[in-house]
N, C-alpha and C. Protein backbone atom coordinates (compact mmCIF):
# COMPACT_ATOMS: atom_id res chain seq x y z
N MET A 1 47.47 -6.97 -30.61
CA MET A 1 47.49 -5.56 -30.38
C MET A 1 46.70 -4.75 -31.64
N ARG A 2 47.01 -5.31 -32.77
CA ARG A 2 46.46 -4.64 -33.90
C ARG A 2 44.82 -4.62 -33.80
N PHE A 3 44.27 -5.77 -33.23
CA PHE A 3 42.87 -5.85 -33.09
C PHE A 3 42.29 -4.73 -32.13
N LEU A 4 43.03 -4.42 -31.02
CA LEU A 4 42.63 -3.40 -30.08
C LEU A 4 42.67 -2.13 -30.73
N SER A 5 43.50 -1.68 -31.50
CA SER A 5 43.57 -0.37 -32.11
C SER A 5 42.47 -0.24 -33.20
N ARG A 6 42.07 -1.22 -33.73
CA ARG A 6 40.97 -1.15 -34.71
C ARG A 6 39.75 -1.02 -33.91
N LYS A 7 39.46 -1.63 -32.90
CA LYS A 7 38.29 -1.51 -32.04
C LYS A 7 38.25 -0.03 -31.46
N GLY A 8 39.30 0.54 -31.10
CA GLY A 8 39.31 1.86 -30.57
C GLY A 8 38.89 2.84 -31.75
N LYS A 9 39.26 2.64 -32.91
CA LYS A 9 38.92 3.46 -33.98
C LYS A 9 37.34 3.39 -34.34
N LEU A 10 36.82 2.16 -34.26
CA LEU A 10 35.41 1.96 -34.39
C LEU A 10 34.61 2.60 -33.28
N ARG A 11 35.12 2.50 -32.13
CA ARG A 11 34.44 3.18 -31.08
C ARG A 11 34.31 4.70 -31.36
N GLY A 12 35.48 5.25 -31.70
CA GLY A 12 35.45 6.74 -32.12
C GLY A 12 34.58 6.98 -33.12
N ALA A 13 34.42 6.27 -34.13
CA ALA A 13 33.36 6.41 -35.24
C ALA A 13 31.94 6.50 -34.69
N THR A 14 31.73 5.54 -33.75
CA THR A 14 30.33 5.44 -33.12
C THR A 14 29.98 6.82 -32.40
N VAL A 15 31.06 7.28 -31.67
CA VAL A 15 30.79 8.46 -31.01
C VAL A 15 30.45 9.71 -32.00
N VAL A 16 31.33 9.71 -33.07
CA VAL A 16 31.05 10.89 -34.01
C VAL A 16 29.70 10.63 -34.70
N GLU A 17 29.41 9.56 -35.02
CA GLU A 17 28.08 9.18 -35.75
C GLU A 17 26.92 9.66 -34.81
N PHE A 18 27.09 9.30 -33.44
CA PHE A 18 26.04 9.70 -32.56
C PHE A 18 26.01 11.15 -32.33
N ALA A 19 27.12 11.80 -32.29
CA ALA A 19 27.03 13.27 -32.34
C ALA A 19 26.38 13.91 -33.48
N LEU A 20 26.45 13.28 -34.67
CA LEU A 20 25.90 13.86 -35.85
C LEU A 20 24.33 13.59 -35.97
N VAL A 21 24.02 12.37 -35.49
CA VAL A 21 22.58 11.96 -35.62
C VAL A 21 21.64 12.51 -34.39
N ALA A 22 22.26 12.52 -33.27
CA ALA A 22 21.46 12.75 -32.06
C ALA A 22 20.66 14.18 -32.13
N PRO A 23 21.33 15.26 -32.49
CA PRO A 23 20.62 16.51 -32.49
C PRO A 23 19.35 16.56 -33.45
N PRO A 24 19.46 16.15 -34.66
CA PRO A 24 18.23 16.11 -35.47
C PRO A 24 17.21 15.07 -35.03
N PHE A 25 17.67 14.07 -34.44
CA PHE A 25 16.82 12.91 -33.91
C PHE A 25 15.92 13.61 -32.77
N PHE A 26 16.63 14.29 -31.84
CA PHE A 26 15.87 14.83 -30.64
C PHE A 26 14.99 15.97 -31.07
N LEU A 27 15.50 16.78 -31.96
CA LEU A 27 14.70 17.81 -32.50
C LEU A 27 13.37 17.36 -33.13
N LEU A 28 13.30 16.20 -33.87
CA LEU A 28 12.25 15.64 -34.56
C LEU A 28 11.38 14.98 -33.33
N LEU A 29 11.97 14.29 -32.40
CA LEU A 29 11.19 13.75 -31.23
C LEU A 29 10.44 14.89 -30.50
N LEU A 30 11.16 15.85 -30.08
CA LEU A 30 10.51 16.81 -29.19
C LEU A 30 9.64 17.73 -29.97
N GLY A 31 9.85 17.97 -31.28
CA GLY A 31 8.97 18.75 -32.22
C GLY A 31 7.58 17.82 -32.29
N GLY A 32 7.80 16.54 -32.58
CA GLY A 32 6.65 15.71 -32.67
C GLY A 32 5.65 15.75 -31.51
N ILE A 33 6.37 15.80 -30.32
CA ILE A 33 5.56 15.77 -29.01
C ILE A 33 4.80 17.12 -29.01
N GLU A 34 5.55 18.22 -29.29
CA GLU A 34 4.90 19.52 -29.13
C GLU A 34 3.81 19.74 -30.22
N PHE A 35 3.85 19.24 -31.41
CA PHE A 35 2.81 19.31 -32.38
C PHE A 35 1.71 18.41 -31.89
N SER A 36 1.96 17.31 -31.37
CA SER A 36 0.86 16.41 -30.90
C SER A 36 0.13 17.16 -29.78
N ARG A 37 0.88 17.75 -28.92
CA ARG A 37 0.11 18.30 -27.71
C ARG A 37 -0.78 19.58 -28.35
N ALA A 38 -0.18 20.28 -29.28
CA ALA A 38 -1.17 21.39 -29.96
C ALA A 38 -2.32 20.83 -30.49
N ASN A 39 -2.19 19.67 -31.20
CA ASN A 39 -3.23 19.04 -31.92
C ASN A 39 -4.41 18.60 -30.82
N VAL A 40 -3.86 18.03 -29.82
CA VAL A 40 -4.83 17.57 -28.73
C VAL A 40 -5.49 18.74 -28.11
N ILE A 41 -4.82 19.79 -27.98
CA ILE A 41 -5.41 21.03 -27.39
C ILE A 41 -6.51 21.66 -28.40
N LEU A 42 -6.10 21.69 -29.63
CA LEU A 42 -7.01 22.21 -30.64
C LEU A 42 -8.17 21.43 -30.62
N ASN A 43 -8.17 20.08 -30.73
CA ASN A 43 -9.37 19.22 -30.71
C ASN A 43 -10.29 19.40 -29.54
N THR A 44 -9.59 19.43 -28.53
CA THR A 44 -10.31 19.51 -27.15
C THR A 44 -11.06 20.97 -26.95
N MET A 45 -10.34 22.00 -27.39
CA MET A 45 -10.97 23.20 -27.43
C MET A 45 -12.21 23.35 -28.27
N GLU A 46 -12.26 22.65 -29.45
CA GLU A 46 -13.37 22.67 -30.23
C GLU A 46 -14.55 21.98 -29.49
N ASN A 47 -14.25 20.82 -28.94
CA ASN A 47 -15.23 20.15 -28.17
C ASN A 47 -15.76 21.07 -27.02
N ALA A 48 -14.88 21.76 -26.36
CA ALA A 48 -15.30 22.44 -25.18
C ALA A 48 -16.06 23.69 -25.64
N ALA A 49 -15.77 24.34 -26.72
CA ALA A 49 -16.73 25.35 -27.27
C ALA A 49 -17.93 24.92 -27.60
N TYR A 50 -18.06 23.66 -28.20
CA TYR A 50 -19.32 23.09 -28.64
C TYR A 50 -20.18 22.76 -27.26
N ALA A 51 -19.47 22.13 -26.39
CA ALA A 51 -20.09 21.87 -25.15
C ALA A 51 -20.66 23.07 -24.38
N GLY A 52 -19.93 24.14 -24.33
CA GLY A 52 -20.36 25.29 -23.80
C GLY A 52 -21.50 26.06 -24.45
N ALA A 53 -21.45 26.09 -25.91
CA ALA A 53 -22.59 26.61 -26.52
C ALA A 53 -23.80 25.67 -26.49
N ARG A 54 -23.61 24.29 -26.43
CA ARG A 54 -24.79 23.45 -26.30
C ARG A 54 -25.47 23.59 -25.06
N ARG A 55 -24.67 23.76 -24.00
CA ARG A 55 -25.30 24.00 -22.61
C ARG A 55 -26.09 25.30 -22.58
N GLY A 56 -25.69 26.16 -23.39
CA GLY A 56 -26.42 27.67 -23.32
C GLY A 56 -27.76 27.59 -24.19
N ILE A 57 -27.99 26.63 -25.07
CA ILE A 57 -29.17 26.77 -25.87
C ILE A 57 -30.33 26.20 -25.23
N VAL A 58 -30.24 25.47 -24.14
CA VAL A 58 -31.46 24.91 -23.49
C VAL A 58 -31.97 26.06 -22.64
N PRO A 59 -33.32 26.01 -22.43
CA PRO A 59 -34.01 27.02 -21.71
C PRO A 59 -33.57 26.89 -20.18
N GLY A 60 -33.30 28.05 -19.65
CA GLY A 60 -32.87 28.20 -18.19
C GLY A 60 -31.37 28.16 -17.98
N ALA A 61 -30.67 28.14 -19.07
CA ALA A 61 -29.30 27.98 -18.98
C ALA A 61 -28.70 29.45 -18.72
N THR A 62 -27.52 29.61 -18.03
CA THR A 62 -26.85 30.76 -17.79
C THR A 62 -25.29 30.74 -18.41
N ALA A 63 -24.81 31.93 -18.59
CA ALA A 63 -23.47 31.90 -19.16
C ALA A 63 -22.44 31.35 -18.19
N ALA A 64 -22.76 31.28 -16.82
CA ALA A 64 -21.82 30.53 -15.97
C ALA A 64 -21.87 29.10 -16.15
N ASP A 65 -23.07 28.50 -16.47
CA ASP A 65 -23.31 27.15 -16.90
C ASP A 65 -22.52 26.72 -18.00
N CYS A 66 -22.56 27.57 -19.10
CA CYS A 66 -21.91 27.41 -20.29
C CYS A 66 -20.31 27.42 -20.08
N GLU A 67 -19.82 28.18 -19.28
CA GLU A 67 -18.42 28.31 -18.91
C GLU A 67 -17.90 27.05 -18.20
N ASP A 68 -18.82 26.58 -17.28
CA ASP A 68 -18.63 25.38 -16.47
C ASP A 68 -18.45 24.19 -17.47
N ALA A 69 -19.37 24.08 -18.34
CA ALA A 69 -19.54 22.99 -19.21
C ALA A 69 -18.06 23.01 -20.05
N ALA A 70 -17.86 24.07 -20.63
CA ALA A 70 -16.49 24.19 -21.38
C ALA A 70 -15.26 23.88 -20.63
N GLN A 71 -15.25 24.45 -19.46
CA GLN A 71 -14.06 24.07 -18.61
C GLN A 71 -13.92 22.71 -18.16
N ASN A 72 -15.15 22.00 -17.94
CA ASN A 72 -15.01 20.57 -17.63
C ASN A 72 -14.33 19.79 -18.74
N ILE A 73 -14.54 20.21 -19.96
CA ILE A 73 -13.91 19.44 -21.10
C ILE A 73 -12.45 19.78 -21.20
N LEU A 74 -12.10 20.96 -20.92
CA LEU A 74 -10.64 21.33 -20.93
C LEU A 74 -9.91 20.88 -19.69
N ASN A 75 -10.57 20.50 -18.54
CA ASN A 75 -10.04 19.77 -17.46
C ASN A 75 -9.53 18.53 -17.82
N ILE A 76 -10.17 17.85 -18.78
CA ILE A 76 -9.74 16.38 -18.99
C ILE A 76 -8.39 16.29 -19.49
N ILE A 77 -7.95 17.28 -20.14
CA ILE A 77 -6.56 17.17 -20.65
C ILE A 77 -5.65 18.09 -19.81
N ARG A 78 -6.14 18.61 -18.81
CA ARG A 78 -5.42 19.54 -17.93
C ARG A 78 -4.95 20.83 -18.70
N VAL A 79 -5.71 21.54 -19.29
CA VAL A 79 -5.46 22.78 -19.73
C VAL A 79 -5.57 23.80 -18.51
N ASN A 80 -4.48 24.33 -18.12
CA ASN A 80 -4.40 25.19 -16.85
C ASN A 80 -4.83 26.61 -17.19
N THR A 81 -4.48 27.20 -18.27
CA THR A 81 -4.89 28.67 -18.48
C THR A 81 -5.68 28.71 -19.74
N ALA A 82 -7.05 29.07 -19.60
CA ALA A 82 -7.90 29.18 -20.88
C ALA A 82 -8.80 30.24 -20.63
N SER A 83 -9.26 31.10 -21.71
CA SER A 83 -10.05 32.06 -21.61
C SER A 83 -11.52 31.50 -22.37
N ILE A 84 -12.49 31.52 -21.61
CA ILE A 84 -13.83 31.09 -22.17
C ILE A 84 -14.76 32.32 -22.17
N THR A 85 -15.31 32.54 -23.23
CA THR A 85 -16.21 33.85 -23.38
C THR A 85 -17.55 33.26 -23.88
N ILE A 86 -18.61 33.63 -23.33
CA ILE A 86 -19.96 33.29 -23.65
C ILE A 86 -20.74 34.65 -24.15
N GLN A 87 -21.25 34.47 -25.26
CA GLN A 87 -22.00 35.78 -25.83
C GLN A 87 -23.42 35.37 -26.13
N PRO A 88 -24.44 35.89 -25.61
CA PRO A 88 -24.46 37.13 -24.82
C PRO A 88 -24.04 36.71 -23.30
N SER A 89 -23.57 37.64 -22.54
CA SER A 89 -23.18 37.35 -21.27
C SER A 89 -24.44 37.08 -20.33
N VAL A 90 -25.61 37.52 -20.64
CA VAL A 90 -26.81 37.21 -20.06
C VAL A 90 -27.76 36.51 -21.01
N ILE A 91 -28.05 35.31 -20.76
CA ILE A 91 -29.00 34.56 -21.74
C ILE A 91 -30.31 34.58 -21.17
N THR A 92 -31.26 35.11 -22.08
CA THR A 92 -32.67 35.18 -21.80
C THR A 92 -33.56 34.39 -22.74
N ASP A 93 -34.78 34.43 -22.53
CA ASP A 93 -35.60 33.51 -23.46
C ASP A 93 -35.70 34.21 -24.94
N GLU A 94 -35.32 35.55 -24.92
CA GLU A 94 -35.28 36.03 -26.31
C GLU A 94 -34.06 35.92 -26.99
N THR A 95 -32.96 35.47 -26.41
CA THR A 95 -31.66 35.26 -27.05
C THR A 95 -31.70 34.32 -28.18
N PRO A 96 -31.38 34.67 -29.35
CA PRO A 96 -31.51 33.97 -30.47
C PRO A 96 -30.38 32.75 -30.79
N VAL A 97 -29.20 33.31 -30.45
CA VAL A 97 -27.90 32.56 -30.69
C VAL A 97 -26.96 32.61 -29.48
N VAL A 98 -26.44 31.52 -29.00
CA VAL A 98 -25.46 31.43 -28.04
C VAL A 98 -24.04 31.16 -28.68
N THR A 99 -23.08 32.01 -28.39
CA THR A 99 -21.77 31.78 -28.87
C THR A 99 -20.68 31.49 -27.93
N ALA A 100 -19.89 30.48 -27.95
CA ALA A 100 -18.88 30.20 -27.05
C ALA A 100 -17.56 30.13 -27.72
N THR A 101 -16.65 30.91 -27.15
CA THR A 101 -15.34 31.18 -27.75
C THR A 101 -14.29 30.57 -26.60
N VAL A 102 -13.45 29.69 -26.97
CA VAL A 102 -12.36 29.27 -26.03
C VAL A 102 -11.01 29.60 -26.62
N GLN A 103 -10.14 30.27 -25.82
CA GLN A 103 -8.84 30.63 -26.21
C GLN A 103 -7.80 29.98 -25.30
N VAL A 104 -6.89 29.20 -25.93
CA VAL A 104 -5.89 28.71 -24.93
C VAL A 104 -4.34 29.08 -25.41
N PRO A 105 -3.76 29.74 -24.64
CA PRO A 105 -2.29 30.07 -25.00
C PRO A 105 -1.50 28.89 -24.87
N LEU A 106 -0.46 28.79 -25.93
CA LEU A 106 0.43 27.75 -26.00
C LEU A 106 1.73 28.05 -25.12
N ASP A 107 1.73 28.01 -23.88
CA ASP A 107 2.83 28.37 -23.24
C ASP A 107 3.20 27.18 -22.25
N MET A 108 4.07 27.48 -21.32
CA MET A 108 4.68 26.32 -20.40
C MET A 108 3.55 25.85 -19.52
N SER A 109 2.53 26.56 -19.23
CA SER A 109 1.56 25.91 -18.37
C SER A 109 0.65 24.95 -19.08
N ASN A 110 0.54 24.94 -20.44
CA ASN A 110 -0.37 24.11 -21.13
C ASN A 110 0.36 22.97 -21.96
N GLY A 111 1.65 22.96 -21.89
CA GLY A 111 2.50 22.07 -22.73
C GLY A 111 3.06 20.92 -21.83
N TRP A 112 3.47 19.85 -22.48
CA TRP A 112 4.17 18.73 -21.83
C TRP A 112 5.50 19.03 -21.64
N ILE A 113 6.23 19.68 -22.64
CA ILE A 113 7.59 20.14 -22.62
C ILE A 113 7.54 21.69 -22.87
N THR A 114 8.80 22.25 -22.76
CA THR A 114 8.81 23.72 -23.05
C THR A 114 8.66 23.89 -24.46
N PRO A 115 7.54 24.63 -24.82
CA PRO A 115 7.25 24.76 -26.31
C PRO A 115 8.33 25.73 -26.90
N LYS A 116 8.80 25.24 -28.23
CA LYS A 116 9.78 26.07 -28.93
C LYS A 116 9.12 26.59 -30.22
N PHE A 117 8.25 25.86 -30.84
CA PHE A 117 7.72 26.28 -32.12
C PHE A 117 6.41 27.15 -32.03
N TYR A 118 5.66 26.94 -30.74
CA TYR A 118 4.44 27.60 -30.67
C TYR A 118 4.40 28.63 -29.47
N LEU A 119 5.63 28.83 -28.81
CA LEU A 119 5.78 29.65 -27.61
C LEU A 119 5.17 31.02 -28.07
N GLY A 120 4.33 31.63 -27.14
CA GLY A 120 3.74 32.92 -27.44
C GLY A 120 2.47 32.95 -28.33
N LYS A 121 2.01 31.76 -28.98
CA LYS A 121 0.94 31.73 -29.83
C LYS A 121 -0.29 31.24 -28.89
N SER A 122 -1.41 31.41 -29.40
CA SER A 122 -2.58 30.81 -28.83
C SER A 122 -3.57 30.21 -29.90
N LEU A 123 -4.42 29.35 -29.39
CA LEU A 123 -5.38 28.76 -30.33
C LEU A 123 -6.82 29.16 -29.95
N THR A 124 -7.65 29.43 -30.74
CA THR A 124 -9.02 29.79 -30.61
C THR A 124 -10.08 28.91 -31.25
N ALA A 125 -11.04 28.61 -30.67
CA ALA A 125 -12.20 27.88 -31.17
C ALA A 125 -13.46 28.61 -30.84
N ASN A 126 -14.32 28.67 -31.90
CA ASN A 126 -15.51 29.49 -31.70
C ASN A 126 -16.73 28.72 -32.26
N VAL A 127 -17.87 28.54 -31.46
CA VAL A 127 -19.14 27.74 -31.85
C VAL A 127 -20.32 28.56 -31.53
N ALA A 128 -21.18 28.81 -32.59
CA ALA A 128 -22.44 29.56 -32.33
C ALA A 128 -23.64 28.59 -32.79
N LEU A 129 -24.50 28.48 -31.75
CA LEU A 129 -25.52 27.66 -31.85
C LEU A 129 -26.92 28.29 -31.64
N PRO A 130 -27.98 28.28 -32.40
CA PRO A 130 -29.33 28.77 -32.13
C PRO A 130 -29.99 28.11 -30.99
N ARG A 131 -30.70 29.00 -30.23
CA ARG A 131 -31.32 28.46 -29.09
C ARG A 131 -32.50 27.63 -29.57
N GLU A 132 -32.89 26.74 -28.47
CA GLU A 132 -34.10 25.98 -28.61
C GLU A 132 -35.33 26.86 -28.48
N GLY A 133 -36.28 26.67 -29.38
CA GLY A 133 -37.51 27.40 -29.37
C GLY A 133 -37.44 28.72 -29.86
N THR A 134 -36.44 29.08 -30.68
CA THR A 134 -36.42 30.34 -31.27
C THR A 134 -36.32 30.25 -32.78
């Protein structure tokens, strides 16, 4: 009988220890996932902005071509809402520089889990490249 009562006390101690350790553990786990997703989005945005600007520097390119090139990169990691801006909006032979700006909001549509640390924030990447032949 004495053995059973001791086992019951140990079981209660385990429950209390779990109750104390679980919240910080899950906070770190979910926070790590959220920070990782934000880092993936940031690096992909920079690549997308570069791809968009790079597409615009070749002769005959249009702003729509640049936006498509940037969006194709963002589609790789399933960024659902993004704002892609190409300056100038009409690319001509006299355009000296093409600038691509990609902005992604960190909200529920672009996260793996419901964001807590970055909710309401957005990331922006900007790349400017000189056109070929100028």
